[in-house]
């Protein structure tokens, strides 16, 4: 079994090269800026976890 390759990259034809290098114009979605953040269960868990840590630190000191 051959362990070393003589070619670093396989040969790419012109059609594939054109598709890979095609530039796509991007736009910024401005409608997402005004949406309010939804309060989720993960947010509640984070608040409870930080509150529990504060109480534990108070008991240690």
PDB file of N, CA and C in Angstrom:
ATOM      1  N   UNK A   1       0.845  -1.174   0.000  1.00  0.00           N
ATOM      2  CA  UNK A   1       0.000   0.000   0.000  1.00  0.00           C
ATOM      3  C   UNK A   1       0.892   1.240   0.000  1.00  0.00           C
ATOM      4  N   UNK A   2       0.507   2.188  -0.811  1.00  0.00           N
ATOM      5  CA  UNK A   2       1.299   3.399  -0.969  1.00  0.00           C
ATOM      6  C   UNK A   2       1.000   4.358   0.189  1.00  0.00           C
ATOM      7  N   UNK A   3       2.028   4.815   0.903  1.00  0.00           N
ATOM      8  CA  UNK A   3       1.821   5.683   2.054  1.00  0.00           C
ATOM      9  C   UNK A   3       2.075   7.151   1.747  1.00  0.00           C
ATOM     10  N   UNK A   4       2.748   7.431   0.647  1.00  0.00           N
ATOM     11  CA  UNK A   4       3.019   8.813   0.291  1.00  0.00           C
ATOM     12  C   UNK A   4       2.379   9.124  -1.053  1.00  0.00           C
ATOM     13  N   UNK A   5       1.902  10.347  -1.182  1.00  0.00           N
ATOM     14  CA  UNK A   5       1.272  10.781  -2.416  1.00  0.00           C
ATOM     15  C   UNK A   5       2.226  11.667  -3.192  1.00  0.00           C
ATOM     16  N   UNK A   6       2.273  11.473  -4.490  1.00  0.00           N
ATOM     17  CA  UNK A   6       3.144  12.314  -5.314  1.00  0.00           C
ATOM     18  C   UNK A   6       2.474  13.639  -5.637  1.00  0.00           C
ATOM     19  N   UNK A   7       1.142  13.680  -5.621  1.00  0.00           N
ATOM     20  CA  UNK A   7       0.413  14.916  -5.868  1.00  0.00           C
ATOM     21  C   UNK A   7      -0.195  15.388  -4.561  1.00  0.00           C
ATOM     22  N   UNK A   8      -0.008  16.677  -4.278  1.00  0.00           N
ATOM     23  CA  UNK A   8      -0.562  17.215  -3.053  1.00  0.00           C
ATOM     24  C   UNK A   8      -2.078  17.362  -3.157  1.00  0.00           C
ATOM     25  N   UNK A   9      -2.552  17.867  -4.275  1.00  0.00           N
ATOM     26  CA  UNK A   9      -3.985  18.036  -4.514  1.00  0.00           C
ATOM     27  C   UNK A   9      -4.360  17.361  -5.822  1.00  0.00           C
ATOM     28  N   UNK A  10      -5.545  16.806  -5.919  1.00  0.00           N
ATOM     29  CA  UNK A  10      -5.966  16.208  -7.187  1.00  0.00           C
ATOM     30  C   UNK A  10      -6.197  17.299  -8.229  1.00  0.00           C
ATOM     31  N   UNK A  11      -6.133  16.932  -9.488  1.00  0.00           N
ATOM     32  CA  UNK A  11      -6.341  17.887 -10.580  1.00  0.00           C
ATOM     33  C   UNK A  11      -7.788  18.367 -10.577  1.00  0.00           C
ATOM     34  N   UNK A  12      -7.972  19.675 -10.767  1.00  0.00           N
ATOM     35  CA  UNK A  12      -9.307  20.279 -10.794  1.00  0.00           C
ATOM     36  C   UNK A  12      -9.534  20.830 -12.193  1.00  0.00           C
ATOM     37  N   UNK A  13     -10.665  20.478 -12.799  1.00  0.00           N
ATOM     38  CA  UNK A  13     -10.941  21.009 -14.130  1.00  0.00           C
ATOM     39  C   UNK A  13     -11.467  22.443 -14.025  1.00  0.00           C
ATOM     40  N   UNK A  14     -11.547  23.128 -15.142  1.00  0.00           N
ATOM     41  CA  UNK A  14     -11.891  24.552 -15.176  1.00  0.00           C
ATOM     42  C   UNK A  14     -13.311  24.796 -14.676  1.00  0.00           C
ATOM     43  N   UNK A  15     -14.242  23.915 -14.983  1.00  0.00           N
ATOM     44  CA  UNK A  15     -15.632  24.091 -14.559  1.00  0.00           C
ATOM     45  C   UNK A  15     -15.743  24.040 -13.033  1.00  0.00           C
ATOM     46  N   UNK A  16     -15.070  23.086 -12.400  1.00  0.00           N
ATOM     47  CA  UNK A  16     -15.089  22.983 -10.939  1.00  0.00           C
ATOM     48  C   UNK A  16     -14.405  24.181 -10.296  1.00  0.00           C
ATOM     49  N   UNK A  17     -13.318  24.640 -10.893  1.00  0.00           N
ATOM     50  CA  UNK A  17     -12.607  25.810 -10.379  1.00  0.00           C
ATOM     51  C   UNK A  17     -13.474  27.059 -10.438  1.00  0.00           C
ATOM     52  N   UNK A  18     -14.235  27.228 -11.500  1.00  0.00           N
ATOM     53  CA  UNK A  18     -15.143  28.376 -11.619  1.00  0.00           C
ATOM     54  C   UNK A  18     -16.238  28.318 -10.564  1.00  0.00           C
ATOM     55  N   UNK A  19     -16.765  27.126 -10.312  1.00  0.00           N
ATOM     56  CA  UNK A  19     -17.815  27.000  -9.291  1.00  0.00           C
ATOM     57  C   UNK A  19     -17.280  27.270  -7.887  1.00  0.00           C
ATOM     58  N   UNK A  20     -16.045  26.860  -7.608  1.00  0.00           N
ATOM     59  CA  UNK A  20     -15.462  27.072  -6.286  1.00  0.00           C
ATOM     60  C   UNK A  20     -15.125  28.536  -6.023  1.00  0.00           C
ATOM     61  N   UNK A  21     -14.762  29.251  -7.051  1.00  0.00           N
ATOM     62  CA  UNK A  21     -14.326  30.641  -6.867  1.00  0.00           C
ATOM     63  C   UNK A  21     -15.411  31.648  -7.186  1.00  0.00           C
ATOM     64  N   UNK A  22     -16.638  31.213  -7.416  1.00  0.00           N
ATOM     65  CA  UNK A  22     -17.742  32.117  -7.713  1.00  0.00           C
ATOM     66  C   UNK A  22     -18.059  32.971  -6.482  1.00  0.00           C
ATOM     67  N   UNK A  23     -18.155  34.281  -6.671  1.00  0.00           N
ATOM     68  CA  UNK A  23     -18.393  35.207  -5.564  1.00  0.00           C
ATOM     69  C   UNK A  23     -19.893  35.363  -5.358  1.00  0.00           C
ATOM     70  N   UNK A  24     -20.310  35.267  -4.107  1.00  0.00           N
ATOM     71  CA  UNK A  24     -21.718  35.425  -3.756  1.00  0.00           C
ATOM     72  C   UNK A  24     -21.878  36.736  -2.998  1.00  0.00           C
ATOM     73  N   UNK A  25     -22.792  37.564  -3.435  1.00  0.00           N
ATOM     74  CA  UNK A  25     -23.066  38.827  -2.757  1.00  0.00           C
ATOM     75  C   UNK A  25     -23.896  38.543  -1.512  1.00  0.00           C
ATOM     76  N   UNK A  26     -23.447  39.055  -0.366  1.00  0.00           N
ATOM     77  CA  UNK A  26     -24.159  38.831   0.887  1.00  0.00           C
ATOM     78  C   UNK A  26     -24.838  40.114   1.328  1.00  0.00           C
ATOM     79  N   UNK A  27     -25.971  39.970   1.956  1.00  0.00           N
ATOM     80  CA  UNK A  27     -26.692  41.117   2.498  1.00  0.00           C
ATOM     81  C   UNK A  27     -26.877  40.920   3.993  1.00  0.00           C
ATOM     82  N   UNK A  28     -27.014  42.015   4.711  1.00  0.00           N
ATOM     83  CA  UNK A  28     -27.203  41.969   6.151  1.00  0.00           C
ATOM     84  C   UNK A  28     -28.698  42.024   6.442  1.00  0.00           C
ATOM     85  N   UNK A  29     -29.168  41.124   7.272  1.00  0.00           N
ATOM     86  CA  UNK A  29     -30.581  41.098   7.654  1.00  0.00           C
ATOM     87  C   UNK A  29     -30.813  42.163   8.710  1.00  0.00           C
ATOM     88  N   UNK A  30     -31.491  43.237   8.350  1.00  0.00           N
ATOM     89  CA  UNK A  30     -31.736  44.339   9.284  1.00  0.00           C
ATOM     90  C   UNK A  30     -33.013  44.145  10.077  1.00  0.00           C
ATOM     91  N   UNK A  31     -33.894  43.250   9.644  1.00  0.00           N
ATOM     92  CA  UNK A  31     -35.171  43.071  10.339  1.00  0.00           C
ATOM     93  C   UNK A  31     -35.016  42.325  11.657  1.00  0.00           C
ATOM     94  N   UNK A  32     -33.877  41.679  11.900  1.00  0.00           N
ATOM     95  CA  UNK A  32     -33.690  40.906  13.114  1.00  0.00           C
ATOM     96  C   UNK A  32     -33.282  41.755  14.305  1.00  0.00           C
ATOM     97  N   UNK A  33     -32.895  42.998  14.101  1.00  0.00           N
ATOM     98  CA  UNK A  33     -32.403  43.837  15.191  1.00  0.00           C
ATOM     99  C   UNK A  33     -33.500  44.269  16.161  1.00  0.00           C
ATOM    100  N   UNK A  34     -34.722  44.391  15.701  1.00  0.00           N
ATOM    101  CA  UNK A  34     -35.797  44.933  16.530  1.00  0.00           C
ATOM    102  C   UNK A  34     -36.574  43.866  17.283  1.00  0.00           C
ATOM    103  N   UNK A  35     -36.228  42.610  17.139  1.00  0.00           N
ATOM    104  CA  UNK A  35     -36.972  41.554  17.806  1.00  0.00           C
ATOM    105  C   UNK A  35     -36.537  41.442  19.263  1.00  0.00           C
ATOM    106  N   UNK A  36     -37.511  41.256  20.142  1.00  0.00           N
ATOM    107  CA  UNK A  36     -37.223  41.125  21.567  1.00  0.00           C
ATOM    108  C   UNK A  36     -36.702  39.724  21.861  1.00  0.00           C
ATOM    109  N   UNK A  37     -35.820  39.607  22.842  1.00  0.00           N
ATOM    110  CA  UNK A  37     -35.259  38.310  23.222  1.00  0.00           C
ATOM    111  C   UNK A  37     -36.292  37.523  24.032  1.00  0.00           C
ATOM    112  N   UNK A  38     -36.433  36.270  23.709  1.00  0.00           N
ATOM    113  CA  UNK A  38     -37.382  35.393  24.395  1.00  0.00           C
ATOM    114  C   UNK A  38     -36.703  34.827  25.638  1.00  0.00           C
ATOM    115  N   UNK A  39     -37.360  34.931  26.776  1.00  0.00           N
ATOM    116  CA  UNK A  39     -36.842  34.394  28.029  1.00  0.00           C
ATOM    117  C   UNK A  39     -37.081  32.898  28.030  1.00  0.00           C
ATOM    118  N   UNK A  40     -36.020  32.112  28.071  1.00  0.00           N
ATOM    119  CA  UNK A  40     -36.148  30.665  27.967  1.00  0.00           C
ATOM    120  C   UNK A  40     -35.856  29.998  29.306  1.00  0.00           C
ATOM    121  N   UNK A  41     -36.066  28.695  29.336  1.00  0.00           N
ATOM    122  CA  UNK A  41     -35.791  27.912  30.537  1.00  0.00           C
ATOM    123  C   UNK A  41     -34.296  27.926  30.851  1.00  0.00           C
ATOM    124  N   UNK A  42     -33.453  27.975  29.815  1.00  0.00           N
ATOM    125  CA  UNK A  42     -32.009  28.019  30.041  1.00  0.00           C
ATOM    126  C   UNK A  42     -31.611  29.307  30.753  1.00  0.00           C
ATOM    127  N   UNK A  43     -32.283  30.419  30.425  1.00  0.00           N
ATOM    128  CA  UNK A  43     -32.010  31.678  31.111  1.00  0.00           C
ATOM    129  C   UNK A  43     -32.387  31.585  32.591  1.00  0.00           C
ATOM    130  N   UNK A  44     -33.513  30.956  32.882  1.00  0.00           N
ATOM    131  CA  UNK A  44     -33.948  30.789  34.264  1.00  0.00           C
ATOM    132  C   UNK A  44     -32.965  29.911  35.042  1.00  0.00           C
ATOM    133  N   UNK A  45     -32.495  28.828  34.421  1.00  0.00           N
ATOM    134  CA  UNK A  45     -31.528  27.948  35.079  1.00  0.00           C
ATOM    135  C   UNK A  45     -30.233  28.691  35.378  1.00  0.00           C
ATOM    136  N   UNK A  46     -29.817  29.557  34.468  1.00  0.00           N
ATOM    137  CA  UNK A  46     -28.584  30.315  34.680  1.00  0.00           C
ATOM    138  C   UNK A  46     -28.749  31.277  35.858  1.00  0.00           C
ATOM    139  N   UNK A  47     -29.901  31.923  35.968  1.00  0.00           N
ATOM    140  CA  UNK A  47     -30.152  32.834  37.089  1.00  0.00           C
ATOM    141  C   UNK A  47     -30.135  32.060  38.403  1.00  0.00           C
ATOM    142  N   UNK A  48     -30.790  30.908  38.431  1.00  0.00           N
ATOM    143  CA  UNK A  48     -30.839  30.116  39.654  1.00  0.00           C
ATOM    144  C   UNK A  48     -29.455  29.593  40.034  1.00  0.00           C
ATOM    145  N   UNK A  49     -28.652  29.200  39.055  1.00  0.00           N
ATOM    146  CA  UNK A  49     -27.318  28.702  39.333  1.00  0.00           C
ATOM    147  C   UNK A  49     -26.423  29.793  39.904  1.00  0.00           C
ATOM    148  N   UNK A  50     -26.483  30.999  39.352  1.00  0.00           N
ATOM    149  CA  UNK A  50     -25.651  32.090  39.865  1.00  0.00           C
ATOM    150  C   UNK A  50     -26.117  32.513  41.254  1.00  0.00           C
ATOM    151  N   UNK A  51     -27.404  32.461  41.510  1.00  0.00           N
ATOM    152  CA  UNK A  51     -27.916  32.810  42.834  1.00  0.00           C
ATOM    153  C   UNK A  51     -27.444  31.789  43.865  1.00  0.00           C
ATOM    154  N   UNK A  52     -27.458  30.494  43.489  1.00  0.00           N
ATOM    155  CA  UNK A  52     -27.013  29.435  44.386  1.00  0.00           C
ATOM    156  C   UNK A  52     -25.519  29.597  44.704  1.00  0.00           C
ATOM    157  N   UNK A  53     -24.720  29.973  43.693  1.00  0.00           N
ATOM    158  CA  UNK A  53     -23.275  30.178  43.904  1.00  0.00           C
ATOM    159  C   UNK A  53     -23.024  31.332  44.867  1.00  0.00           C
ATOM    160  N   UNK A  54     -23.802  32.389  44.752  1.00  0.00           N
ATOM    161  CA  UNK A  54     -23.621  33.551  45.644  1.00  0.00           C
ATOM    162  C   UNK A  54     -23.912  33.157  47.087  1.00  0.00           C
ATOM    163  N   UNK A  55     -24.965  32.371  47.308  1.00  0.00           N
ATOM    164  CA  UNK A  55     -25.336  31.958  48.664  1.00  0.00           C
ATOM    165  C   UNK A  55     -24.249  31.046  49.233  1.00  0.00           C
ATOM    166  N   UNK A  56     -23.706  30.154  48.436  1.00  0.00           N
ATOM    167  CA  UNK A  56     -22.659  29.255  48.903  1.00  0.00           C
ATOM    168  C   UNK A  56     -21.400  30.032  49.268  1.00  0.00           C
ATOM    169  N   UNK A  57     -21.061  31.046  48.487  1.00  0.00           N
ATOM    170  CA  UNK A  57     -19.876  31.852  48.789  1.00  0.00           C
ATOM    171  C   UNK A  57     -20.065  32.635  50.081  1.00  0.00           C
ATOM    172  N   UNK A  58     -21.283  33.084  50.325  1.00  0.00           N
ATOM    173  CA  UNK A  58     -21.578  33.842  51.528  1.00  0.00           C
ATOM    174  C   UNK A  58     -21.436  32.952  52.770  1.00  0.00           C
ATOM    175  N   UNK A  59     -21.834  31.666  52.636  1.00  0.00           N
ATOM    176  CA  UNK A  59     -21.749  30.747  53.768  1.00  0.00           C
ATOM    177  C   UNK A  59     -20.301  30.376  54.081  1.00  0.00           C
ATOM    178  N   UNK A  60     -19.452  30.326  53.048  1.00  0.00           N
ATOM    179  CA  UNK A  60     -18.041  29.959  53.246  1.00  0.00           C
ATOM    180  C   UNK A  60     -17.288  31.078  53.941  1.00  0.00           C
ATOM    181  N   UNK A  61     -17.537  32.317  53.531  1.00  0.00           N
ATOM    182  CA  UNK A  61     -16.764  33.452  54.074  1.00  0.00           C
ATOM    183  C   UNK A  61     -17.165  33.831  55.455  1.00  0.00           C
TER     184      UNK A  61
END
